[in-house]
Amino acid sequence: MRLIALAFSFGPVLFGIGLIAPAIASAFDLAGIAPPFGISPLHAGLGIGILLGLVARQRKTWLW
């Protein structure tokens, strides 16, 4: 039961990894934008998705 509660507490971060990161990577590819430092679009998307997930977890909302 504690494992499920722990997973739900990290829900925004998991959402950022599972949905936001691939969407950002696809947007980079479609727009023809190369991420900085020569990293792949997926790595850039993962970084942004995790960051947004952590912000949403801290604020307890996705909305600003």
Protein backbone atom coordinates (compact mmCIF):
# COMPACT_ATOMS: atom_id res chain seq x y z
CA MET A 1 0.00 0.00 0.00
CA ARG A 2 2.86 2.39 0.76
CA LEU A 3 4.35 1.72 -2.67
CA ILE A 4 1.14 2.81 -4.34
CA ALA A 5 0.99 5.94 -2.18
CA LEU A 6 4.60 6.72 -3.07
CA ALA A 7 3.88 6.27 -6.79
CA PHE A 8 0.88 8.62 -6.57
CA SER A 9 2.93 11.24 -4.77
CA PHE A 10 5.34 11.25 -7.74
CA GLY A 11 2.47 11.30 -10.25
CA PRO A 12 3.33 14.70 -11.75
CA VAL A 13 6.95 13.66 -12.27
CA LEU A 14 5.89 10.39 -13.91
CA PHE A 15 3.45 12.34 -16.09
CA GLY A 16 6.28 14.67 -17.08
CA ILE A 17 8.44 11.68 -18.06
CA GLY A 18 5.73 9.66 -19.76
CA LEU A 19 3.76 12.26 -21.67
CA ILE A 20 5.39 15.68 -21.60
CA ALA A 21 8.92 14.49 -22.51
CA PRO A 22 7.97 12.68 -25.75
CA ALA A 23 5.68 15.56 -26.73
CA ILE A 24 8.49 18.09 -26.29
CA ALA A 25 10.92 15.84 -28.19
CA SER A 26 8.43 15.56 -31.07
CA ALA A 27 7.90 19.32 -31.05
CA PHE A 28 11.68 19.85 -31.31
CA ASP A 29 11.81 17.47 -34.28
CA LEU A 30 8.81 18.99 -36.06
CA ALA A 31 10.06 22.54 -35.57
CA GLY A 32 13.57 21.62 -36.68
CA ILE A 33 15.06 22.96 -33.47
CA ALA A 34 18.30 21.40 -32.28
CA PRO A 35 18.59 21.20 -28.48
CA PRO A 36 21.64 22.86 -26.94
CA PHE A 37 24.93 21.10 -26.17
CA GLY A 38 24.38 18.52 -28.91
CA ILE A 39 22.00 16.35 -26.86
CA SER A 40 19.17 14.43 -28.48
CA PRO A 41 15.66 15.88 -28.54
CA LEU A 42 14.47 13.08 -26.24
CA HIS A 43 17.06 13.93 -23.60
CA ALA A 44 16.08 17.59 -23.78
CA GLY A 45 12.41 16.60 -23.50
CA LEU A 46 13.16 14.41 -20.49
CA GLY A 47 14.98 17.25 -18.77
CA ILE A 48 12.16 19.70 -19.39
CA GLY A 49 9.46 17.13 -18.53
CA ILE A 50 11.11 16.16 -15.24
CA LEU A 51 11.63 19.80 -14.35
CA LEU A 52 7.98 20.67 -15.05
CA GLY A 53 6.86 17.59 -13.12
CA LEU A 54 8.93 18.58 -10.11
CA VAL A 55 7.53 22.11 -10.23
CA ALA A 56 3.98 20.76 -10.45
CA ARG A 57 4.64 18.38 -7.55
CA GLN A 58 6.03 21.18 -5.41
CA ARG A 59 3.18 23.55 -6.24
CA LYS A 60 0.61 20.72 -6.09
CA THR A 61 -0.92 21.91 -9.38
CA TRP A 62 -0.09 22.02 -13.08
CA LEU A 63 -1.86 25.35 -13.48
CA TRP A 64 -0.12 28.62 -12.79
